Amino acid sequence: MEIREGSVKINRKEMKEMKRMDHQQLEDKLTEAYARGHYLAARKWQKAVEETLEQTKGIGPGRKELFLERLKMKIQESQNPSA
């Protein structure tokens, strides 16, 4: 299974495997694909934010580090929501 921007690509072999799966196996496979896509998206946004901070005048290394630390905390909170 290949995750590209905005879509998931499944080849014929994977499709045949998915047809043979029971409900729980399919749920597990889709959950794994979702988690992988979420992780890749979070990394992409974090990199974009870091690059933007680098290019913004008036933001020193201390503020940049504080901002990035808070961003990492927010990302972790969104990945592990408390019930």
N, C-alpha and C. Protein backbone atom coordinates (compact mmCIF):
# COMPACT_ATOMS: atom_id res chain seq x y z
N MET A 1 0.86 -1.16 0.00
CA MET A 1 0.00 0.00 0.00
C MET A 1 0.90 1.23 0.00
N GLU A 2 0.64 2.10 -0.91
CA GLU A 2 1.45 3.31 -1.05
C GLU A 2 0.58 4.52 -0.77
N ILE A 3 1.06 5.38 0.11
CA ILE A 3 0.32 6.59 0.45
C ILE A 3 0.95 7.76 -0.27
N ARG A 4 0.16 8.37 -1.12
CA ARG A 4 0.60 9.57 -1.83
C ARG A 4 -0.25 10.73 -1.35
N GLU A 5 0.12 11.91 -1.77
CA GLU A 5 -0.63 13.09 -1.34
C GLU A 5 -2.08 12.97 -1.79
N GLY A 6 -2.97 12.85 -0.81
CA GLY A 6 -4.39 12.84 -1.11
C GLY A 6 -4.99 11.51 -1.51
N SER A 7 -4.17 10.45 -1.62
CA SER A 7 -4.75 9.18 -2.02
C SER A 7 -3.89 8.00 -1.56
N VAL A 8 -4.47 6.83 -1.64
CA VAL A 8 -3.79 5.58 -1.31
C VAL A 8 -3.79 4.71 -2.56
N LYS A 9 -2.66 4.17 -2.91
CA LYS A 9 -2.56 3.29 -4.08
C LYS A 9 -2.40 1.85 -3.62
N ILE A 10 -3.27 0.98 -4.13
CA ILE A 10 -3.25 -0.44 -3.77
C ILE A 10 -3.03 -1.24 -5.05
N ASN A 11 -2.07 -2.16 -5.02
CA ASN A 11 -1.84 -2.98 -6.20
C ASN A 11 -2.76 -4.22 -6.16
N ARG A 12 -2.75 -5.00 -7.23
CA ARG A 12 -3.66 -6.15 -7.34
C ARG A 12 -3.43 -7.20 -6.26
N LYS A 13 -2.16 -7.45 -5.95
CA LYS A 13 -1.83 -8.45 -4.94
C LYS A 13 -2.43 -8.04 -3.58
N GLU A 14 -2.27 -6.79 -3.23
CA GLU A 14 -2.82 -6.30 -1.96
C GLU A 14 -4.35 -6.35 -1.96
N MET A 15 -4.93 -6.07 -3.09
CA MET A 15 -6.39 -6.10 -3.19
C MET A 15 -6.92 -7.52 -2.96
N LYS A 16 -6.24 -8.51 -3.53
CA LYS A 16 -6.65 -9.90 -3.32
C LYS A 16 -6.50 -10.28 -1.85
N GLU A 17 -5.40 -9.83 -1.22
CA GLU A 17 -5.20 -10.11 0.20
C GLU A 17 -6.30 -9.47 1.05
N MET A 18 -6.69 -8.26 0.69
CA MET A 18 -7.72 -7.55 1.45
C MET A 18 -9.08 -8.23 1.31
N LYS A 19 -9.36 -8.79 0.15
CA LYS A 19 -10.63 -9.49 -0.06
C LYS A 19 -10.74 -10.73 0.83
N ARG A 20 -9.60 -11.33 1.15
CA ARG A 20 -9.59 -12.55 1.97
C ARG A 20 -9.57 -12.25 3.47
N MET A 21 -9.37 -11.00 3.84
CA MET A 21 -9.26 -10.64 5.26
C MET A 21 -10.62 -10.65 5.94
N ASP A 22 -10.58 -10.95 7.24
CA ASP A 22 -11.80 -10.80 8.02
C ASP A 22 -11.90 -9.35 8.50
N HIS A 23 -12.95 -9.07 9.20
CA HIS A 23 -13.25 -7.70 9.62
C HIS A 23 -12.10 -7.09 10.44
N GLN A 24 -11.61 -7.81 11.44
CA GLN A 24 -10.56 -7.30 12.32
C GLN A 24 -9.25 -7.07 11.57
N GLN A 25 -8.88 -7.98 10.70
CA GLN A 25 -7.65 -7.82 9.93
C GLN A 25 -7.71 -6.58 9.04
N LEU A 26 -8.85 -6.35 8.41
CA LEU A 26 -9.01 -5.18 7.55
C LEU A 26 -8.95 -3.90 8.38
N GLU A 27 -9.61 -3.90 9.53
CA GLU A 27 -9.56 -2.73 10.42
C GLU A 27 -8.12 -2.42 10.82
N ASP A 28 -7.36 -3.45 11.18
CA ASP A 28 -5.97 -3.26 11.59
C ASP A 28 -5.14 -2.68 10.45
N LYS A 29 -5.33 -3.20 9.25
CA LYS A 29 -4.56 -2.72 8.10
C LYS A 29 -4.90 -1.25 7.80
N LEU A 30 -6.18 -0.90 7.85
CA LEU A 30 -6.58 0.48 7.58
C LEU A 30 -6.12 1.43 8.68
N THR A 31 -6.15 0.97 9.92
CA THR A 31 -5.67 1.79 11.04
C THR A 31 -4.18 2.06 10.89
N GLU A 32 -3.43 1.06 10.48
CA GLU A 32 -2.00 1.22 10.27
C GLU A 32 -1.73 2.23 9.15
N ALA A 33 -2.48 2.15 8.07
CA ALA A 33 -2.31 3.08 6.94
C ALA A 33 -2.65 4.50 7.37
N TYR A 34 -3.71 4.65 8.15
CA TYR A 34 -4.10 5.97 8.64
C TYR A 34 -3.02 6.56 9.54
N ALA A 35 -2.49 5.76 10.45
CA ALA A 35 -1.46 6.24 11.38
C ALA A 35 -0.20 6.65 10.62
N ARG A 36 0.16 5.87 9.61
CA ARG A 36 1.35 6.20 8.81
C ARG A 36 1.13 7.51 8.06
N GLY A 37 -0.04 7.70 7.49
CA GLY A 37 -0.35 8.94 6.78
C GLY A 37 -0.38 10.13 7.71
N HIS A 38 -0.92 9.95 8.90
CA HIS A 38 -0.97 11.03 9.90
C HIS A 38 0.44 11.43 10.30
N TYR A 39 1.30 10.44 10.53
CA TYR A 39 2.69 10.71 10.90
C TYR A 39 3.42 11.49 9.81
N LEU A 40 3.25 11.05 8.56
CA LEU A 40 3.92 11.73 7.45
C LEU A 40 3.43 13.16 7.29
N ALA A 41 2.14 13.37 7.48
CA ALA A 41 1.58 14.72 7.36
C ALA A 41 2.10 15.62 8.48
N ALA A 42 2.18 15.09 9.69
CA ALA A 42 2.69 15.88 10.82
C ALA A 42 4.14 16.27 10.60
N ARG A 43 4.94 15.34 10.09
CA ARG A 43 6.35 15.64 9.80
C ARG A 43 6.48 16.71 8.72
N LYS A 44 5.63 16.63 7.71
CA LYS A 44 5.66 17.60 6.62
C LYS A 44 5.34 19.00 7.14
N TRP A 45 4.29 19.10 7.97
CA TRP A 45 3.91 20.40 8.53
C TRP A 45 4.98 20.93 9.47
N GLN A 46 5.58 20.06 10.27
CA GLN A 46 6.62 20.50 11.19
C GLN A 46 7.81 21.06 10.42
N LYS A 47 8.18 20.39 9.35
CA LYS A 47 9.29 20.87 8.52
C LYS A 47 8.95 22.22 7.89
N ALA A 48 7.72 22.37 7.43
CA ALA A 48 7.30 23.64 6.82
C ALA A 48 7.33 24.77 7.85
N VAL A 49 6.90 24.48 9.07
CA VAL A 49 6.93 25.50 10.12
C VAL A 49 8.36 25.88 10.46
N GLU A 50 9.23 24.88 10.57
CA GLU A 50 10.64 25.17 10.86
C GLU A 50 11.27 26.05 9.78
N GLU A 51 10.99 25.74 8.52
CA GLU A 51 11.53 26.54 7.43
C GLU A 51 10.98 27.96 7.46
N THR A 52 9.70 28.10 7.78
CA THR A 52 9.09 29.43 7.86
C THR A 52 9.70 30.24 8.99
N LEU A 53 9.93 29.61 10.12
CA LEU A 53 10.56 30.31 11.24
C LEU A 53 11.97 30.76 10.90
N GLU A 54 12.69 29.93 10.16
CA GLU A 54 14.05 30.28 9.74
C GLU A 54 14.05 31.53 8.87
N GLN A 55 13.04 31.66 8.03
CA GLN A 55 12.98 32.75 7.07
C GLN A 55 12.35 34.02 7.64
N THR A 56 11.76 33.95 8.84
CA THR A 56 11.07 35.09 9.41
C THR A 56 12.04 35.93 10.24
N LYS A 57 12.15 37.19 9.90
CA LYS A 57 13.03 38.08 10.65
C LYS A 57 12.41 38.41 11.99
N GLY A 58 13.26 38.60 13.00
CA GLY A 58 12.80 38.98 14.32
C GLY A 58 12.55 37.82 15.26
N ILE A 59 12.68 36.59 14.77
CA ILE A 59 12.51 35.42 15.62
C ILE A 59 13.90 34.83 15.87
N GLY A 60 14.35 34.97 17.10
CA GLY A 60 15.67 34.48 17.45
C GLY A 60 15.68 33.00 17.75
N PRO A 61 16.86 32.47 18.00
CA PRO A 61 16.99 31.03 18.27
C PRO A 61 16.22 30.58 19.51
N GLY A 62 16.17 31.43 20.55
CA GLY A 62 15.45 31.06 21.76
C GLY A 62 13.96 30.91 21.53
N ARG A 63 13.36 31.89 20.88
CA ARG A 63 11.92 31.85 20.59
C ARG A 63 11.60 30.72 19.62
N LYS A 64 12.48 30.52 18.66
CA LYS A 64 12.26 29.45 17.68
C LYS A 64 12.24 28.10 18.38
N GLU A 65 13.20 27.87 19.28
CA GLU A 65 13.27 26.61 20.01
C GLU A 65 12.04 26.41 20.89
N LEU A 66 11.59 27.47 21.57
CA LEU A 66 10.40 27.41 22.41
C LEU A 66 9.17 27.07 21.57
N PHE A 67 9.03 27.71 20.42
CA PHE A 67 7.91 27.46 19.53
C PHE A 67 7.91 26.02 19.05
N LEU A 68 9.06 25.52 18.63
CA LEU A 68 9.16 24.15 18.12
C LEU A 68 8.86 23.13 19.21
N GLU A 69 9.29 23.40 20.44
CA GLU A 69 9.00 22.49 21.54
C GLU A 69 7.50 22.44 21.81
N ARG A 70 6.84 23.58 21.79
CA ARG A 70 5.39 23.62 21.99
C ARG A 70 4.66 22.94 20.84
N LEU A 71 5.16 23.09 19.64
CA LEU A 71 4.56 22.42 18.48
C LEU A 71 4.66 20.91 18.63
N LYS A 72 5.81 20.41 19.06
CA LYS A 72 5.97 18.97 19.27
C LYS A 72 5.01 18.45 20.33
N MET A 73 4.81 19.23 21.40
CA MET A 73 3.87 18.84 22.45
C MET A 73 2.45 18.76 21.90
N LYS A 74 2.05 19.72 21.07
CA LYS A 74 0.71 19.72 20.48
C LYS A 74 0.53 18.53 19.56
N ILE A 75 1.53 18.20 18.79
CA ILE A 75 1.45 17.05 17.88
C ILE A 75 1.28 15.78 18.68
N GLN A 76 2.05 15.63 19.77
CA GLN A 76 1.93 14.45 20.60
C GLN A 76 0.56 14.36 21.25
N GLU A 77 0.00 15.50 21.66
CA GLU A 77 -1.33 15.52 22.25
C GLU A 77 -2.38 15.06 21.23
N SER A 78 -2.23 15.49 19.99
CA SER A 78 -3.20 15.10 18.98
C SER A 78 -3.10 13.63 18.61
N GLN A 79 -1.90 13.04 18.76
CA GLN A 79 -1.73 11.63 18.47
C GLN A 79 -2.21 10.77 19.62
N ASN A 80 -2.16 11.28 20.84
CA ASN A 80 -2.55 10.52 22.02
C ASN A 80 -3.60 11.31 22.81
N PRO A 81 -4.81 11.46 22.29
CA PRO A 81 -5.83 12.23 23.02
C PRO A 81 -6.27 11.49 24.28
N SER A 82 -6.43 12.25 25.35
CA SER A 82 -6.90 11.64 26.58
C SER A 82 -8.42 11.64 26.59
N ALA A 83 -8.99 10.54 27.02
CA ALA A 83 -10.45 10.37 26.97
C ALA A 83 -11.14 11.01 28.13
